């Protein structure tokens, strides 16, 4: 009797998978550089648009909400809005770009063997680069208004990191879902446009009815933003912030496993 050997391509363990991703870190960097070149190619101002766009948004929000609606904040409203735009743009870019990166890179996926999570990670790298540029603008305005600096500023990386994890987690979940249902790709812009109204980017939480003041912190973007404002301006912290921050990490874990599980079927589903 001839014995048969059955070879099964078992999925990588999480440690092995993460090691593969680390081994492809140069690819992540090169893809991020490519995205930056494509984004600002043939533009007269280039990277300056990264600063111009939030400046225009701050101007519009300040004129409309501060002057017409007379929102009251404990520090200059310009800084309130700029801090909101700073974190919202980071979430917006990672979520919107990383959620559709598989379809944008179909040819690359079919030609090269690499962990597919490299593609959304490259988008994260681009988003972080633009975040750092806008952060420079934010700190210049911060200094211009002579805001005091406390020890809490040392904790700023925490809300930023948790926001990145949440943004990437949601993007990974969307990638896994849209492989089977491409109609969801049309839902992403709507979610982004609608989501800003559920996040206190340009309005203080104090204007909300009492019954919603706690619920809004279930939005991880709101939780990260409020913790960021506490670090920068000593804004009061709501205990529900902890819930939103925990949801950020949980979303990332779910997204990571969902994406890893669907990775072997990406080529056949594209």
C-alpha atoms as a PDB file:
ATOM      1  CA  UNK A   1       0.000   0.000   0.000  1.00  0.00           C
ATOM      2  CA  UNK A   2       1.299   3.407  -0.945  1.00  0.00           C
ATOM      3  CA  UNK A   3       1.111   5.867   1.915  1.00  0.00           C
ATOM      4  CA  UNK A   4       0.012   9.381   1.204  1.00  0.00           C
ATOM      5  CA  UNK A   5       1.244  12.455   2.946  1.00  0.00           C
ATOM      6  CA  UNK A   6      -1.267  15.241   3.272  1.00  0.00           C
ATOM      7  CA  UNK A   7       0.221  18.694   3.579  1.00  0.00           C
ATOM      8  CA  UNK A   8      -2.023  21.298   5.133  1.00  0.00           C
ATOM      9  CA  UNK A   9      -1.171  24.967   4.990  1.00  0.00           C
ATOM     10  CA  UNK A  10      -1.939  25.787   8.576  1.00  0.00           C
ATOM     11  CA  UNK A  11      -2.357  29.478   9.362  1.00  0.00           C
ATOM     12  CA  UNK A  12       0.509  31.229  11.089  1.00  0.00           C
ATOM     13  CA  UNK A  13       0.375  31.736  14.815  1.00  0.00           C
ATOM     14  CA  UNK A  14      -0.031  35.334  15.910  1.00  0.00           C
ATOM     15  CA  UNK A  15       3.643  35.573  16.890  1.00  0.00           C
ATOM     16  CA  UNK A  16       4.777  34.188  13.535  1.00  0.00           C
ATOM     17  CA  UNK A  17       2.423  36.509  11.702  1.00  0.00           C
ATOM     18  CA  UNK A  18       3.667  39.575  13.553  1.00  0.00           C
ATOM     19  CA  UNK A  19       7.254  38.489  12.884  1.00  0.00           C
ATOM     20  CA  UNK A  20       6.468  38.373   9.164  1.00  0.00           C
ATOM     21  CA  UNK A  21       5.044  41.882   9.362  1.00  0.00           C
ATOM     22  CA  UNK A  22       8.184  43.105  11.135  1.00  0.00           C
ATOM     23  CA  UNK A  23      10.360  41.484   8.471  1.00  0.00           C
ATOM     24  CA  UNK A  24       8.469  43.518   5.845  1.00  0.00           C
ATOM     25  CA  UNK A  25       8.908  46.850   7.626  1.00  0.00           C
ATOM     26  CA  UNK A  26      10.972  48.243   4.743  1.00  0.00           C
ATOM     27  CA  UNK A  27       8.052  47.523   2.411  1.00  0.00           C
ATOM     28  CA  UNK A  28       5.726  49.462   4.734  1.00  0.00           C
ATOM     29  CA  UNK A  29       8.055  52.460   4.613  1.00  0.00           C
ATOM     30  CA  UNK A  30       8.420  52.301   0.818  1.00  0.00           C
ATOM     31  CA  UNK A  31       4.656  52.055   0.325  1.00  0.00           C
ATOM     32  CA  UNK A  32       4.146  55.061   2.613  1.00  0.00           C
ATOM     33  CA  UNK A  33       6.694  57.054   0.594  1.00  0.00           C
ATOM     34  CA  UNK A  34       4.913  56.060  -2.610  1.00  0.00           C
ATOM     35  CA  UNK A  35       1.547  57.168  -1.227  1.00  0.00           C
ATOM     36  CA  UNK A  36       2.968  60.550  -0.235  1.00  0.00           C
ATOM     37  CA  UNK A  37       4.454  61.076  -3.686  1.00  0.00           C
ATOM     38  CA  UNK A  38       1.178  60.151  -5.372  1.00  0.00           C
ATOM     39  CA  UNK A  39      -0.904  62.310  -3.039  1.00  0.00           C
ATOM     40  CA  UNK A  40       1.107  65.473  -3.601  1.00  0.00           C
ATOM     41  CA  UNK A  41       2.350  64.859  -7.141  1.00  0.00           C
ATOM     42  CA  UNK A  42       1.828  67.765  -9.555  1.00  0.00           C
ATOM     43  CA  UNK A  43       0.602  70.075  -6.801  1.00  0.00           C
ATOM     44  CA  UNK A  44       2.113  73.532  -6.550  1.00  0.00           C
ATOM     45  CA  UNK A  45       2.163  73.634  -2.752  1.00  0.00           C
ATOM     46  CA  UNK A  46       2.891  69.960  -2.077  1.00  0.00           C
ATOM     47  CA  UNK A  47       3.016  69.093   1.632  1.00  0.00           C
ATOM     48  CA  UNK A  48       1.868  72.622   2.467  1.00  0.00           C
ATOM     49  CA  UNK A  49      -1.671  71.359   1.808  1.00  0.00           C
ATOM     50  CA  UNK A  50      -1.332  69.294   4.974  1.00  0.00           C
ATOM     51  CA  UNK A  51      -1.283  72.560   6.945  1.00  0.00           C
ATOM     52  CA  UNK A  52      -3.582  74.615   4.699  1.00  0.00           C
ATOM     53  CA  UNK A  53      -6.535  72.244   4.958  1.00  0.00           C
ATOM     54  CA  UNK A  54      -6.777  72.231   8.788  1.00  0.00           C
ATOM     55  CA  UNK A  55      -6.206  75.995   8.836  1.00  0.00           C
ATOM     56  CA  UNK A  56      -9.193  76.512   6.529  1.00  0.00           C
ATOM     57  CA  UNK A  57     -11.290  74.172   8.678  1.00  0.00           C
ATOM     58  CA  UNK A  58     -10.310  76.067  11.843  1.00  0.00           C
ATOM     59  CA  UNK A  59     -11.226  79.362  10.187  1.00  0.00           C
ATOM     60  CA  UNK A  60     -14.640  78.103   9.064  1.00  0.00           C
ATOM     61  CA  UNK A  61     -15.512  76.479  12.402  1.00  0.00           C
ATOM     62  CA  UNK A  62     -14.285  79.485  14.379  1.00  0.00           C
ATOM     63  CA  UNK A  63     -16.280  81.978  12.331  1.00  0.00           C
ATOM     64  CA  UNK A  64     -19.436  79.901  12.395  1.00  0.00           C
ATOM     65  CA  UNK A  65     -19.528  78.291  15.824  1.00  0.00           C
ATOM     66  CA  UNK A  66     -17.548  80.726  17.987  1.00  0.00           C
ATOM     67  CA  UNK A  67     -19.054  83.915  16.583  1.00  0.00           C
ATOM     68  CA  UNK A  68     -22.567  82.831  15.608  1.00  0.00           C
ATOM     69  CA  UNK A  69     -23.244  80.226  18.295  1.00  0.00           C
ATOM     70  CA  UNK A  70     -20.957  81.734  20.945  1.00  0.00           C
ATOM     71  CA  UNK A  71     -19.469  78.489  22.252  1.00  0.00           C
ATOM     72  CA  UNK A  72     -17.622  79.082  25.510  1.00  0.00           C
ATOM     73  CA  UNK A  73     -14.381  77.230  26.253  1.00  0.00           C
ATOM     74  CA  UNK A  74     -11.872  77.593  29.094  1.00  0.00           C
ATOM     75  CA  UNK A  75      -9.106  78.391  26.594  1.00  0.00           C
ATOM     76  CA  UNK A  76      -9.073  80.010  23.129  1.00  0.00           C
ATOM     77  CA  UNK A  77     -11.661  78.417  20.867  1.00  0.00           C
ATOM     78  CA  UNK A  78      -9.109  78.285  18.046  1.00  0.00           C
ATOM     79  CA  UNK A  79      -7.049  75.845  20.108  1.00  0.00           C
ATOM     80  CA  UNK A  80     -10.167  73.858  20.993  1.00  0.00           C
ATOM     81  CA  UNK A  81     -11.030  73.375  17.318  1.00  0.00           C
ATOM     82  CA  UNK A  82      -7.454  72.789  16.197  1.00  0.00           C
ATOM     83  CA  UNK A  83      -6.993  70.045  18.781  1.00  0.00           C
ATOM     84  CA  UNK A  84     -10.197  68.422  17.549  1.00  0.00           C
ATOM     85  CA  UNK A  85      -9.180  68.643  13.893  1.00  0.00           C
ATOM     86  CA  UNK A  86      -5.717  67.322  14.722  1.00  0.00           C
ATOM     87  CA  UNK A  87      -7.061  64.041  16.096  1.00  0.00           C
ATOM     88  CA  UNK A  88     -10.076  63.808  13.787  1.00  0.00           C
ATOM     89  CA  UNK A  89      -7.891  64.106  10.678  1.00  0.00           C
ATOM     90  CA  UNK A  90      -5.674  61.322  11.975  1.00  0.00           C
ATOM     91  CA  UNK A  91      -8.663  59.040  12.472  1.00  0.00           C
ATOM     92  CA  UNK A  92     -10.262  60.133   9.204  1.00  0.00           C
ATOM     93  CA  UNK A  93      -7.183  59.426   7.099  1.00  0.00           C
ATOM     94  CA  UNK A  94      -6.382  56.022   8.590  1.00  0.00           C
ATOM     95  CA  UNK A  95      -9.988  54.829   8.530  1.00  0.00           C
ATOM     96  CA  UNK A  96     -10.898  56.054   5.048  1.00  0.00           C
ATOM     97  CA  UNK A  97      -7.607  55.149   3.346  1.00  0.00           C
ATOM     98  CA  UNK A  98      -6.789  51.881   5.108  1.00  0.00           C
ATOM     99  CA  UNK A  99     -10.356  50.589   4.709  1.00  0.00           C
ATOM    100  CA  UNK A 100     -10.053  50.472   0.915  1.00  0.00           C
ATOM    101  CA  UNK A 101      -6.325  49.832   0.464  1.00  0.00           C
ATOM    102  CA  UNK A 102      -6.763  46.211  -0.660  1.00  0.00           C
ATOM    103  CA  UNK A 103      -8.700  47.256  -3.757  1.00  0.00           C
ATOM    104  CA  UNK A 104      -6.266  50.073  -4.451  1.00  0.00           C
ATOM    105  CA  UNK A 105      -3.377  47.595  -4.510  1.00  0.00           C
ATOM    106  CA  UNK A 106      -4.869  44.579  -6.292  1.00  0.00           C
ATOM    107  CA  UNK A 107      -2.016  44.288  -8.784  1.00  0.00           C
ATOM    108  CA  UNK A 108       0.611  44.390  -6.049  1.00  0.00           C
ATOM    109  CA  UNK A 109      -1.241  41.756  -4.020  1.00  0.00           C
ATOM    110  CA  UNK A 110      -1.401  39.397  -7.000  1.00  0.00           C
ATOM    111  CA  UNK A 111       2.279  39.809  -7.883  1.00  0.00           C
ATOM    112  CA  UNK A 112       3.991  39.751  -4.478  1.00  0.00           C
ATOM    113  CA  UNK A 113       3.834  37.547  -1.409  1.00  0.00           C
ATOM    114  CA  UNK A 114       3.716  39.560   1.799  1.00  0.00           C
ATOM    115  CA  UNK A 115       1.421  39.949   4.821  1.00  0.00           C
ATOM    116  CA  UNK A 116      -1.483  41.968   3.456  1.00  0.00           C
ATOM    117  CA  UNK A 117      -1.731  43.973   6.668  1.00  0.00           C
ATOM    118  CA  UNK A 118       1.370  45.760   5.407  1.00  0.00           C
ATOM    119  CA  UNK A 119      -0.926  47.827   3.145  1.00  0.00           C
ATOM    120  CA  UNK A 120      -3.092  49.381   5.894  1.00  0.00           C
ATOM    121  CA  UNK A 121       0.016  49.833   8.052  1.00  0.00           C
ATOM    122  CA  UNK A 122       1.559  51.945   5.287  1.00  0.00           C
ATOM    123  CA  UNK A 123      -1.547  54.167   5.410  1.00  0.00           C
ATOM    124  CA  UNK A 124      -1.078  54.487   9.172  1.00  0.00           C
ATOM    125  CA  UNK A 125       2.483  55.634   8.596  1.00  0.00           C
ATOM    126  CA  UNK A 126       1.331  58.331   6.152  1.00  0.00           C
ATOM    127  CA  UNK A 127      -1.377  59.450   8.571  1.00  0.00           C
ATOM    128  CA  UNK A 128       1.159  59.703  11.391  1.00  0.00           C
ATOM    129  CA  UNK A 129       3.479  61.772   9.206  1.00  0.00           C
ATOM    130  CA  UNK A 130       0.742  64.276   8.421  1.00  0.00           C
ATOM    131  CA  UNK A 131      -0.277  64.257  12.086  1.00  0.00           C
ATOM    132  CA  UNK A 132       3.227  65.317  13.109  1.00  0.00           C
ATOM    133  CA  UNK A 133       3.191  68.169  10.585  1.00  0.00           C
ATOM    134  CA  UNK A 134      -0.158  69.491  11.837  1.00  0.00           C
ATOM    135  CA  UNK A 135       1.073  69.004  15.416  1.00  0.00           C
ATOM    136  CA  UNK A 136       3.817  71.524  14.659  1.00  0.00           C
ATOM    137  CA  UNK A 137       1.139  74.040  13.686  1.00  0.00           C
ATOM    138  CA  UNK A 138      -0.858  73.178  16.807  1.00  0.00           C
ATOM    139  CA  UNK A 139       2.083  73.819  19.147  1.00  0.00           C
ATOM    140  CA  UNK A 140       2.904  77.108  17.414  1.00  0.00           C
ATOM    141  CA  UNK A 141      -0.665  78.301  18.066  1.00  0.00           C
ATOM    142  CA  UNK A 142      -0.428  76.883  21.590  1.00  0.00           C
ATOM    143  CA  UNK A 143       2.664  79.010  22.250  1.00  0.00           C
ATOM    144  CA  UNK A 144       1.143  82.052  20.522  1.00  0.00           C
ATOM    145  CA  UNK A 145      -1.748  82.049  22.998  1.00  0.00           C
ATOM    146  CA  UNK A 146       0.718  81.621  25.894  1.00  0.00           C
ATOM    147  CA  UNK A 147      -0.886  78.507  27.290  1.00  0.00           C
ATOM    148  CA  UNK A 148       0.718  77.026  30.365  1.00  0.00           C
ATOM    149  CA  UNK A 149       2.341  73.603  30.112  1.00  0.00           C
ATOM    150  CA  UNK A 150       1.811  70.991  32.827  1.00  0.00           C
ATOM    151  CA  UNK A 151       3.309  67.543  33.420  1.00  0.00           C
ATOM    152  CA  UNK A 152       0.254  66.027  31.737  1.00  0.00           C
ATOM    153  CA  UNK A 153       1.666  66.895  28.321  1.00  0.00           C
ATOM    154  CA  UNK A 154       4.028  63.934  28.753  1.00  0.00           C
ATOM    155  CA  UNK A 155       0.982  61.635  28.471  1.00  0.00           C
ATOM    156  CA  UNK A 156      -0.078  62.944  25.036  1.00  0.00           C
ATOM    157  CA  UNK A 157       1.235  59.814  23.228  1.00  0.00           C
ATOM    158  CA  UNK A 158      -1.352  57.678  25.063  1.00  0.00           C
ATOM    159  CA  UNK A 159      -4.538  59.109  23.482  1.00  0.00           C
ATOM    160  CA  UNK A 160      -2.785  59.368  20.112  1.00  0.00           C
ATOM    161  CA  UNK A 161      -1.676  55.730  20.199  1.00  0.00           C
ATOM    162  CA  UNK A 162      -5.118  54.503  21.277  1.00  0.00           C
ATOM    163  CA  UNK A 163      -6.734  56.542  18.502  1.00  0.00           C
ATOM    164  CA  UNK A 164      -4.377  54.971  15.951  1.00  0.00           C
ATOM    165  CA  UNK A 165      -5.206  51.492  17.259  1.00  0.00           C
ATOM    166  CA  UNK A 166      -8.936  52.183  17.020  1.00  0.00           C
ATOM    167  CA  UNK A 167      -8.661  53.671  13.523  1.00  0.00           C
ATOM    168  CA  UNK A 168      -6.597  50.747  12.291  1.00  0.00           C
ATOM    169  CA  UNK A 169      -8.870  48.228  14.008  1.00  0.00           C
ATOM    170  CA  UNK A 170     -11.984  49.620  12.326  1.00  0.00           C
ATOM    171  CA  UNK A 171     -10.168  49.729   8.981  1.00  0.00           C
ATOM    172  CA  UNK A 172      -9.098  46.084   9.312  1.00  0.00           C
ATOM    173  CA  UNK A 173     -12.663  45.045  10.128  1.00  0.00           C
ATOM    174  CA  UNK A 174     -13.955  46.972   7.107  1.00  0.00           C
ATOM    175  CA  UNK A 175     -11.362  45.303   4.878  1.00  0.00           C
ATOM    176  CA  UNK A 176     -12.458  41.876   6.068  1.00  0.00           C
ATOM    177  CA  UNK A 177     -16.140  42.701   5.506  1.00  0.00           C
ATOM    178  CA  UNK A 178     -15.777  44.435   2.141  1.00  0.00           C
ATOM    179  CA  UNK A 179     -14.012  41.414   0.644  1.00  0.00           C
ATOM    180  CA  UNK A 180     -17.419  39.737   0.548  1.00  0.00           C
ATOM    181  CA  UNK A 181     -19.629  42.813   0.223  1.00  0.00           C
ATOM    182  CA  UNK A 182     -18.193  45.607  -1.878  1.00  0.00           C
ATOM    183  CA  UNK A 183     -21.252  47.790  -1.301  1.00  0.00           C
ATOM    184  CA  UNK A 184     -19.738  48.593   2.079  1.00  0.00           C
ATOM    185  CA  UNK A 185     -17.021  50.600   0.301  1.00  0.00           C
ATOM    186  CA  UNK A 186     -19.666  53.202  -0.515  1.00  0.00           C
ATOM    187  CA  UNK A 187     -20.614  53.369   3.157  1.00  0.00           C
ATOM    188  CA  UNK A 188     -17.173  54.485   4.325  1.00  0.00           C
ATOM    189  CA  UNK A 189     -17.367  58.143   3.148  1.00  0.00           C
ATOM    190  CA  UNK A 190     -20.820  58.455   4.711  1.00  0.00           C
ATOM    191  CA  UNK A 191     -19.602  57.076   8.041  1.00  0.00           C
ATOM    192  CA  UNK A 192     -16.702  59.521   8.094  1.00  0.00           C
ATOM    193  CA  UNK A 193     -18.848  62.533   7.210  1.00  0.00           C
ATOM    194  CA  UNK A 194     -21.492  61.592   9.760  1.00  0.00           C
ATOM    195  CA  UNK A 195     -19.043  60.581  12.475  1.00  0.00           C
ATOM    196  CA  UNK A 196     -17.654  64.073  12.988  1.00  0.00           C
ATOM    197  CA  UNK A 197     -21.035  65.156  14.354  1.00  0.00           C
ATOM    198  CA  UNK A 198     -20.809  62.429  16.992  1.00  0.00           C
ATOM    199  CA  UNK A 199     -17.415  63.715  18.094  1.00  0.00           C
ATOM    200  CA  UNK A 200     -16.859  67.017  19.945  1.00  0.00           C
ATOM    201  CA  UNK A 201     -14.399  68.345  17.378  1.00  0.00           C
ATOM    202  CA  UNK A 202     -15.901  71.844  17.206  1.00  0.00           C
ATOM    203  CA  UNK A 203     -18.472  71.838  20.006  1.00  0.00           C
ATOM    204  CA  UNK A 204     -17.945  71.398  23.764  1.00  0.00           C
ATOM    205  CA  UNK A 205     -19.575  68.402  25.424  1.00  0.00           C
ATOM    206  CA  UNK A 206     -21.254  70.759  27.888  1.00  0.00           C
ATOM    207  CA  UNK A 207     -23.831  71.777  25.246  1.00  0.00           C
ATOM    208  CA  UNK A 208     -25.203  68.226  25.082  1.00  0.00           C
ATOM    209  CA  UNK A 209     -28.265  67.168  27.076  1.00  0.00           C
ATOM    210  CA  UNK A 210     -27.286  65.563  30.379  1.00  0.00           C
ATOM    211  CA  UNK A 211     -28.384  62.081  29.274  1.00  0.00           C
ATOM    212  CA  UNK A 212     -25.905  62.098  26.374  1.00  0.00           C
ATOM    213  CA  UNK A 213     -22.857  63.479  28.187  1.00  0.00           C
ATOM    214  CA  UNK A 214     -21.739  59.997  29.237  1.00  0.00           C
ATOM    215  CA  UNK A 215     -22.896  58.056  26.188  1.00  0.00           C
ATOM    216  CA  UNK A 216     -20.779  60.126  23.800  1.00  0.00           C
ATOM    217  CA  UNK A 217     -17.639  58.696  25.418  1.00  0.00           C
ATOM    218  CA  UNK A 218     -18.542  55.273  24.049  1.00  0.00           C
ATOM    219  CA  UNK A 219     -17.175  56.760  20.841  1.00  0.00           C
ATOM    220  CA  UNK A 220     -13.444  55.940  21.109  1.00  0.00           C
ATOM    221  CA  UNK A 221     -12.530  59.019  19.051  1.00  0.00           C
ATOM    222  CA  UNK A 222     -14.303  61.204  21.606  1.00  0.00           C
ATOM    223  CA  UNK A 223     -12.530  59.420  24.461  1.00  0.00           C
ATOM    224  CA  UNK A 224      -9.102  59.908  22.863  1.00  0.00           C
ATOM    225  CA  UNK A 225      -9.859  63.546  22.071  1.00  0.00           C
ATOM    226  CA  UNK A 226     -11.026  64.299  25.595  1.00  0.00           C
ATOM    227  CA  UNK A 227      -7.938  62.651  27.083  1.00  0.00           C
ATOM    228  CA  UNK A 228      -5.766  64.644  24.662  1.00  0.00           C
ATOM    229  CA  UNK A 229      -7.428  67.903  25.751  1.00  0.00           C
ATOM    230  CA  UNK A 230      -6.893  66.919  29.376  1.00  0.00           C
ATOM    231  CA  UNK A 231      -3.188  66.421  28.647  1.00  0.00           C
ATOM    232  CA  UNK A 232      -2.902  69.769  26.861  1.00  0.00           C
ATOM    233  CA  UNK A 233      -5.410  72.023  28.614  1.00  0.00           C
ATOM    234  CA  UNK A 234      -6.365  70.164  31.832  1.00  0.00           C
ATOM    235  CA  UNK A 235      -9.945  69.741  30.597  1.00  0.00           C
ATOM    236  CA  UNK A 236     -12.029  67.818  33.156  1.00  0.00           C
ATOM    237  CA  UNK A 237     -12.112  64.075  32.540  1.00  0.00           C
ATOM    238  CA  UNK A 238     -15.289  62.024  32.563  1.00  0.00           C
ATOM    239  CA  UNK A 239     -14.886  58.553  34.057  1.00  0.00           C
ATOM    240  CA  UNK A 240     -16.555  57.134  30.926  1.00  0.00           C
ATOM    241  CA  UNK A 241     -13.420  58.042  28.980  1.00  0.00           C
ATOM    242  CA  UNK A 242     -11.951  54.770  30.255  1.00  0.00           C
ATOM    243  CA  UNK A 243     -14.728  52.825  28.522  1.00  0.00           C
ATOM    244  CA  UNK A 244     -14.046  54.486  25.169  1.00  0.00           C
ATOM    245  CA  UNK A 245     -10.300  53.923  25.472  1.00  0.00           C
ATOM    246  CA  UNK A 246     -10.815  50.248  26.300  1.00  0.00           C
ATOM    247  CA  UNK A 247     -13.059  49.944  23.248  1.00  0.00           C
ATOM    248  CA  UNK A 248     -10.201  51.347  21.153  1.00  0.00           C
ATOM    249  CA  UNK A 249      -7.892  48.515  22.147  1.00  0.00           C
ATOM    250  CA  UNK A 250     -10.664  45.900  21.873  1.00  0.00           C
ATOM    251  CA  UNK A 251     -11.544  47.098  18.352  1.00  0.00           C
ATOM    252  CA  UNK A 252      -7.921  46.774  17.285  1.00  0.00           C
ATOM    253  CA  UNK A 253      -7.681  43.190  18.598  1.00  0.00           C
ATOM    254  CA  UNK A 254     -10.923  42.206  16.849  1.00  0.00           C
ATOM    255  CA  UNK A 255      -9.792  43.870  13.634  1.00  0.00           C
ATOM    256  CA  UNK A 256      -6.377  42.180  13.729  1.00  0.00           C
ATOM    257  CA  UNK A 257      -7.832  38.682  14.123  1.00  0.00           C
ATOM    258  CA  UNK A 258     -10.623  39.307  11.594  1.00  0.00           C
ATOM    259  CA  UNK A 259      -8.128  40.520   8.995  1.00  0.00           C
ATOM    260  CA  UNK A 260      -5.679  37.689   9.697  1.00  0.00           C
ATOM    261  CA  UNK A 261      -8.466  35.121   9.349  1.00  0.00           C
ATOM    262  CA  UNK A 262      -9.564  36.490   5.965  1.00  0.00           C
ATOM    263  CA  UNK A 263      -6.036  37.058   4.602  1.00  0.00           C
ATOM    264  CA  UNK A 264      -5.662  33.687   2.896  1.00  0.00           C
ATOM    265  CA  UNK A 265      -8.781  34.372   0.824  1.00  0.00           C
ATOM    266  CA  UNK A 266      -7.943  37.906  -0.219  1.00  0.00           C
ATOM    267  CA  UNK A 267      -6.663  37.044  -3.711  1.00  0.00           C
ATOM    268  CA  UNK A 268      -9.672  34.900  -4.652  1.00  0.00           C
ATOM    269  CA  UNK A 269     -12.123  37.492  -3.332  1.00  0.00           C
ATOM    270  CA  UNK A 270     -10.580  40.554  -4.981  1.00  0.00           C
END
